[in-house]
Amino acid sequence: TFGNNCGYITLGNYLRYLTVNDSVQYVIIVGGASFSSYVQNAQILNGTSGSNSSNRLQISFKANVKYCQFAAKNSSGILKVWTPADLV
């Protein structure tokens, strides 16, 4: 699923149940290694973007997991990938 104003996104192989929220641009989403090692249940939050087509943000989620994973830039502009349930 893709939100509004998304563009310049490169998708890897073996991705499923992926949500890309609004204004995500200039990213490369790394997929799984094979049909039996796929990335699923992942979400990229609003505004997560690289600088331009020459400086894309590469996002790698863990493969073969059943829990939700999220990716976004923090307030310092650093990409973070996390599982919310691990934070409690």
C-alpha atoms as a PDB file:
ATOM      1  CA  THR A   1       0.000   0.000   0.000  1.00  0.00           C
ATOM      2  CA  PHE A   2       1.318   3.441  -0.943  1.00  0.00           C
ATOM      3  CA  GLY A   3       0.258   6.804   0.500  1.00  0.00           C
ATOM      4  CA  ASN A   4       0.119  10.169  -1.251  1.00  0.00           C
ATOM      5  CA  ASN A   5       3.126  11.956  -2.765  1.00  0.00           C
ATOM      6  CA  CYS A   6       5.356   8.872  -2.878  1.00  0.00           C
ATOM      7  CA  GLY A   7       7.964   8.532  -5.589  1.00  0.00           C
ATOM      8  CA  TYR A   8      11.411   7.400  -6.614  1.00  0.00           C
ATOM      9  CA  ILE A   9      11.017   4.154  -4.667  1.00  0.00           C
ATOM     10  CA  THR A  10      12.905   1.004  -5.614  1.00  0.00           C
ATOM     11  CA  LEU A  11      11.400  -2.233  -4.314  1.00  0.00           C
ATOM     12  CA  GLY A  12      13.426  -5.372  -3.740  1.00  0.00           C
ATOM     13  CA  ASN A  13      12.143  -8.897  -4.248  1.00  0.00           C
ATOM     14  CA  TYR A  14      10.120 -10.980  -1.818  1.00  0.00           C
ATOM     15  CA  LEU A  15       8.172  -8.223  -0.053  1.00  0.00           C
ATOM     16  CA  ARG A  16       4.599  -8.592   1.205  1.00  0.00           C
ATOM     17  CA  TYR A  17       2.217  -6.642   3.432  1.00  0.00           C
ATOM     18  CA  LEU A  18       4.285  -3.483   3.075  1.00  0.00           C
ATOM     19  CA  THR A  19       2.861  -0.015   3.821  1.00  0.00           C
ATOM     20  CA  VAL A  20       4.575   3.111   2.537  1.00  0.00           C
ATOM     21  CA  ASN A  21       2.964   6.164   4.129  1.00  0.00           C
ATOM     22  CA  ASP A  22       2.676   9.688   2.701  1.00  0.00           C
ATOM     23  CA  SER A  23       5.618  11.619   1.226  1.00  0.00           C
ATOM     24  CA  VAL A  24       8.124   8.764   1.203  1.00  0.00           C
ATOM     25  CA  GLN A  25      10.634   9.453  -1.581  1.00  0.00           C
ATOM     26  CA  TYR A  26      14.098   8.477  -2.752  1.00  0.00           C
ATOM     27  CA  VAL A  27      14.255   5.156  -0.912  1.00  0.00           C
ATOM     28  CA  ILE A  28      15.427   1.643  -1.718  1.00  0.00           C
ATOM     29  CA  ILE A  29      13.518  -1.050   0.152  1.00  0.00           C
ATOM     30  CA  VAL A  30      15.647  -4.169   0.449  1.00  0.00           C
ATOM     31  CA  GLY A  31      13.631  -7.359   0.084  1.00  0.00           C
ATOM     32  CA  GLY A  32      14.099 -10.891   1.253  1.00  0.00           C
ATOM     33  CA  ALA A  33      16.614 -13.347  -0.154  1.00  0.00           C
ATOM     34  CA  SER A  34      14.120 -15.884  -1.525  1.00  0.00           C
ATOM     35  CA  PHE A  35      10.488 -16.981  -1.549  1.00  0.00           C
ATOM     36  CA  SER A  36      11.092 -18.750   1.761  1.00  0.00           C
ATOM     37  CA  SER A  37      12.946 -15.751   3.247  1.00  0.00           C
ATOM     38  CA  TYR A  38      10.690 -12.743   2.654  1.00  0.00           C
ATOM     39  CA  VAL A  39      10.110  -9.387   4.349  1.00  0.00           C
ATOM     40  CA  GLN A  40       6.567  -8.801   5.596  1.00  0.00           C
ATOM     41  CA  ASN A  41       4.489  -6.631   7.960  1.00  0.00           C
ATOM     42  CA  ALA A  42       6.710  -3.594   7.460  1.00  0.00           C
ATOM     43  CA  GLN A  43       5.744   0.071   7.437  1.00  0.00           C
ATOM     44  CA  ILE A  44       7.664   3.169   6.394  1.00  0.00           C
ATOM     45  CA  LEU A  45       6.381   6.248   8.190  1.00  0.00           C
ATOM     46  CA  ASN A  46       5.439   9.629   6.691  1.00  0.00           C
ATOM     47  CA  GLY A  47       8.210  11.750   5.234  1.00  0.00           C
ATOM     48  CA  THR A  48      10.971   9.149   5.387  1.00  0.00           C
ATOM     49  CA  SER A  49      13.103  10.177   2.428  1.00  0.00           C
ATOM     50  CA  GLY A  50      16.551  10.318   0.957  1.00  0.00           C
ATOM     51  CA  SER A  51      17.933  13.600  -0.355  1.00  0.00           C
ATOM     52  CA  ASN A  52      17.632  12.996  -4.095  1.00  0.00           C
ATOM     53  CA  SER A  53      17.939  10.293  -6.756  1.00  0.00           C
ATOM     54  CA  SER A  54      21.723  10.168  -6.247  1.00  0.00           C
ATOM     55  CA  ASN A  55      21.428   9.874  -2.465  1.00  0.00           C
ATOM     56  CA  ARG A  56      18.673   7.356  -1.768  1.00  0.00           C
ATOM     57  CA  LEU A  57      17.903   6.006   1.679  1.00  0.00           C
ATOM     58  CA  GLN A  58      18.347   2.223   1.887  1.00  0.00           C
ATOM     59  CA  ILE A  59      15.872   0.523   4.230  1.00  0.00           C
ATOM     60  CA  SER A  60      16.441  -3.074   5.342  1.00  0.00           C
ATOM     61  CA  PHE A  61      13.890  -4.943   7.419  1.00  0.00           C
ATOM     62  CA  LYS A  62      14.428  -8.350   9.030  1.00  0.00           C
ATOM     63  CA  ALA A  63      13.168 -11.284   6.992  1.00  0.00           C
ATOM     64  CA  ASN A  64      10.955 -14.154   8.157  1.00  0.00           C
ATOM     65  CA  VAL A  65       9.336 -12.307  11.055  1.00  0.00           C
ATOM     66  CA  LYS A  66       5.662 -12.286  11.988  1.00  0.00           C
ATOM     67  CA  TYR A  67       5.717  -9.027  14.008  1.00  0.00           C
ATOM     68  CA  CYS A  68       5.361  -5.441  12.766  1.00  0.00           C
ATOM     69  CA  GLN A  69       8.480  -3.492  11.828  1.00  0.00           C
ATOM     70  CA  PHE A  70       8.685   0.253  11.250  1.00  0.00           C
ATOM     71  CA  ALA A  71      11.200   2.563   9.593  1.00  0.00           C
ATOM     72  CA  ALA A  72      11.530   6.354   9.914  1.00  0.00           C
ATOM     73  CA  LYS A  73      14.079   9.078  10.453  1.00  0.00           C
ATOM     74  CA  ASN A  74      14.475  10.262  14.035  1.00  0.00           C
ATOM     75  CA  SER A  75      14.679  13.925  15.080  1.00  0.00           C
ATOM     76  CA  SER A  76      18.414  13.908  14.245  1.00  0.00           C
ATOM     77  CA  GLY A  77      17.691  12.738  10.699  1.00  0.00           C
ATOM     78  CA  ILE A  78      19.066   9.227  11.257  1.00  0.00           C
ATOM     79  CA  LEU A  79      17.176   6.248   9.814  1.00  0.00           C
ATOM     80  CA  LYS A  80      15.877   3.865  12.465  1.00  0.00           C
ATOM     81  CA  VAL A  81      14.191   0.474  11.981  1.00  0.00           C
ATOM     82  CA  TRP A  82      12.399  -0.890  15.036  1.00  0.00           C
ATOM     83  CA  THR A  83       9.670  -3.098  16.455  1.00  0.00           C
ATOM     84  CA  PRO A  84       7.390  -1.113  18.811  1.00  0.00           C
ATOM     85  CA  ALA A  85       6.646  -4.066  21.096  1.00  0.00           C
ATOM     86  CA  ASP A  86      10.363  -4.397  21.836  1.00  0.00           C
ATOM     87  CA  LEU A  87      10.325  -0.928  23.418  1.00  0.00           C
ATOM     88  CA  VAL A  88       7.961  -1.770  26.302  1.00  0.00           C
END
